[in-house]
Amino acid sequence: MIKTSTYKCLALFAGGVLFGSAGLKLLSSKDAKKAYTHAAAAALRMKDSVMETVVTVQENAADILASAKEINERRAEAEEVAEAEAGGSEAAEA
């Protein structure tokens, strides 16, 4: 005798095969391909937008880095001048 669980398993397998076949037909239809094309186009537009933002952030970061280096150079020059003046006044006192 065949158990009902065996019939149940066979029925589920057959249903899965039918559902899978119908799904493949649906996914390969012209309408589906059109939807995939629109989704891919939207993804490319999003990528372009993100890349523009990345370029802007990189440019701003480069500007900030250049300004920071300039500030540090001015600060180092001011410290050298202050040290030279302090060294000159110490020599005059001696």
C-alpha atoms as a PDB file:
ATOM      1  CA  MET A   1       0.000   0.000   0.000  1.00  0.00           C
ATOM      2  CA  ILE A   2       1.100   3.523  -0.752  1.00  0.00           C
ATOM      3  CA  LYS A   3       0.805   5.979   2.065  1.00  0.00           C
ATOM      4  CA  THR A   4      -1.025   9.266   1.661  1.00  0.00           C
ATOM      5  CA  SER A   5       2.191  11.117   2.456  1.00  0.00           C
ATOM      6  CA  THR A   6       3.681   9.646  -0.729  1.00  0.00           C
ATOM      7  CA  TYR A   7       0.752  10.988  -2.773  1.00  0.00           C
ATOM      8  CA  LYS A   8       1.146  14.310  -1.031  1.00  0.00           C
ATOM      9  CA  CYS A   9       4.840  14.455  -1.915  1.00  0.00           C
ATOM     10  CA  LEU A  10       4.134  13.552  -5.546  1.00  0.00           C
ATOM     11  CA  ALA A  11       1.413  16.183  -5.759  1.00  0.00           C
ATOM     12  CA  LEU A  12       3.721  18.842  -4.297  1.00  0.00           C
ATOM     13  CA  PHE A  13       6.477  17.860  -6.746  1.00  0.00           C
ATOM     14  CA  ALA A  14       4.107  18.037  -9.726  1.00  0.00           C
ATOM     15  CA  GLY A  15       2.763  21.386  -8.550  1.00  0.00           C
ATOM     16  CA  GLY A  16       6.292  22.706  -8.182  1.00  0.00           C
ATOM     17  CA  VAL A  17       7.201  21.598 -11.703  1.00  0.00           C
ATOM     18  CA  LEU A  18       4.104  23.295 -13.122  1.00  0.00           C
ATOM     19  CA  PHE A  19       4.674  26.454 -11.118  1.00  0.00           C
ATOM     20  CA  GLY A  20       8.339  26.519 -12.167  1.00  0.00           C
ATOM     21  CA  SER A  21       7.471  26.063 -15.844  1.00  0.00           C
ATOM     22  CA  ALA A  22       4.885  28.831 -15.692  1.00  0.00           C
ATOM     23  CA  GLY A  23       7.379  31.039 -13.853  1.00  0.00           C
ATOM     24  CA  LEU A  24      10.029  30.543 -16.535  1.00  0.00           C
ATOM     25  CA  LYS A  25       7.553  31.447 -19.247  1.00  0.00           C
ATOM     26  CA  LEU A  26       6.505  34.533 -17.320  1.00  0.00           C
ATOM     27  CA  LEU A  27      10.097  35.626 -16.656  1.00  0.00           C
ATOM     28  CA  SER A  28      11.093  35.251 -20.305  1.00  0.00           C
ATOM     29  CA  SER A  29       8.087  37.128 -21.731  1.00  0.00           C
ATOM     30  CA  LYS A  30       8.389  40.390 -23.652  1.00  0.00           C
ATOM     31  CA  ASP A  31       6.730  42.347 -20.843  1.00  0.00           C
ATOM     32  CA  ALA A  32       9.177  40.956 -18.308  1.00  0.00           C
ATOM     33  CA  LYS A  33      12.146  41.811 -20.537  1.00  0.00           C
ATOM     34  CA  LYS A  34      10.777  45.346 -20.894  1.00  0.00           C
ATOM     35  CA  ALA A  35      10.519  45.618 -17.101  1.00  0.00           C
ATOM     36  CA  TYR A  36      14.093  44.302 -16.710  1.00  0.00           C
ATOM     37  CA  THR A  37      15.308  46.879 -19.226  1.00  0.00           C
ATOM     38  CA  HIS A  38      13.619  49.731 -17.355  1.00  0.00           C
ATOM     39  CA  ALA A  39      15.026  48.474 -14.053  1.00  0.00           C
ATOM     40  CA  ALA A  40      18.536  48.275 -15.530  1.00  0.00           C
ATOM     41  CA  ALA A  41      18.196  51.804 -16.953  1.00  0.00           C
ATOM     42  CA  ALA A  42      17.096  53.114 -13.549  1.00  0.00           C
ATOM     43  CA  ALA A  43      20.063  51.384 -11.914  1.00  0.00           C
ATOM     44  CA  LEU A  44      22.449  53.002 -14.401  1.00  0.00           C
ATOM     45  CA  ARG A  45      20.932  56.442 -13.753  1.00  0.00           C
ATOM     46  CA  MET A  46      21.313  55.877 -10.025  1.00  0.00           C
ATOM     47  CA  LYS A  47      24.950  54.834 -10.522  1.00  0.00           C
ATOM     48  CA  ASP A  48      25.647  58.018 -12.496  1.00  0.00           C
ATOM     49  CA  SER A  49      24.066  60.127  -9.766  1.00  0.00           C
ATOM     50  CA  VAL A  50      26.090  58.406  -7.067  1.00  0.00           C
ATOM     51  CA  MET A  51      29.303  58.844  -9.050  1.00  0.00           C
ATOM     52  CA  GLU A  52      28.615  62.586  -9.437  1.00  0.00           C
ATOM     53  CA  THR A  53      28.171  62.845  -5.680  1.00  0.00           C
ATOM     54  CA  VAL A  54      31.395  60.906  -5.090  1.00  0.00           C
ATOM     55  CA  VAL A  55      33.327  63.222  -7.414  1.00  0.00           C
ATOM     56  CA  THR A  56      31.934  66.284  -5.609  1.00  0.00           C
ATOM     57  CA  VAL A  57      32.897  64.872  -2.216  1.00  0.00           C
ATOM     58  CA  GLN A  58      36.396  64.038  -3.475  1.00  0.00           C
ATOM     59  CA  GLU A  59      36.866  67.559  -4.838  1.00  0.00           C
ATOM     60  CA  ASN A  60      35.714  69.074  -1.546  1.00  0.00           C
ATOM     61  CA  ALA A  61      38.038  66.791   0.392  1.00  0.00           C
ATOM     62  CA  ALA A  62      40.963  67.827  -1.824  1.00  0.00           C
ATOM     63  CA  ASP A  63      40.152  71.509  -1.229  1.00  0.00           C
ATOM     64  CA  ILE A  64      39.957  70.957   2.526  1.00  0.00           C
ATOM     65  CA  LEU A  65      43.272  69.087   2.528  1.00  0.00           C
ATOM     66  CA  ALA A  66      44.980  71.854   0.549  1.00  0.00           C
ATOM     67  CA  SER A  67      43.626  74.511   2.919  1.00  0.00           C
ATOM     68  CA  ALA A  68      44.736  72.528   5.960  1.00  0.00           C
ATOM     69  CA  LYS A  69      48.267  72.168   4.557  1.00  0.00           C
ATOM     70  CA  GLU A  70      48.390  75.892   3.863  1.00  0.00           C
ATOM     71  CA  ILE A  71      47.294  76.692   7.426  1.00  0.00           C
ATOM     72  CA  ASN A  72      49.955  74.370   8.844  1.00  0.00           C
ATOM     73  CA  GLU A  73      52.656  75.944   6.642  1.00  0.00           C
ATOM     74  CA  ARG A  74      51.710  79.448   7.819  1.00  0.00           C
ATOM     75  CA  ARG A  75      51.672  78.281  11.423  1.00  0.00           C
ATOM     76  CA  ALA A  76      55.123  76.679  11.054  1.00  0.00           C
ATOM     77  CA  GLU A  77      56.511  79.890   9.500  1.00  0.00           C
ATOM     78  CA  ALA A  78      55.062  81.971  12.337  1.00  0.00           C
ATOM     79  CA  GLU A  79      56.635  79.630  14.906  1.00  0.00           C
ATOM     80  CA  GLU A  80      60.020  79.878  13.149  1.00  0.00           C
ATOM     81  CA  VAL A  81      59.816  83.680  13.195  1.00  0.00           C
ATOM     82  CA  ALA A  82      58.854  83.641  16.882  1.00  0.00           C
ATOM     83  CA  GLU A  83      61.744  81.302  17.709  1.00  0.00           C
ATOM     84  CA  ALA A  84      64.180  83.447  15.733  1.00  0.00           C
ATOM     85  CA  GLU A  85      63.027  86.578  17.561  1.00  0.00           C
ATOM     86  CA  ALA A  86      63.251  84.813  20.926  1.00  0.00           C
ATOM     87  CA  GLY A  87      66.738  83.570  20.067  1.00  0.00           C
ATOM     88  CA  GLY A  88      67.825  87.051  18.966  1.00  0.00           C
ATOM     89  CA  SER A  89      66.594  88.683  22.200  1.00  0.00           C
ATOM     90  CA  GLU A  90      68.379  86.062  24.322  1.00  0.00           C
ATOM     91  CA  ALA A  91      71.650  86.771  22.505  1.00  0.00           C
ATOM     92  CA  ALA A  92      71.210  90.528  23.086  1.00  0.00           C
ATOM     93  CA  GLU A  93      70.701  89.986  26.828  1.00  0.00           C
ATOM     94  CA  ALA A  94      73.877  87.964  27.180  1.00  0.00           C
END
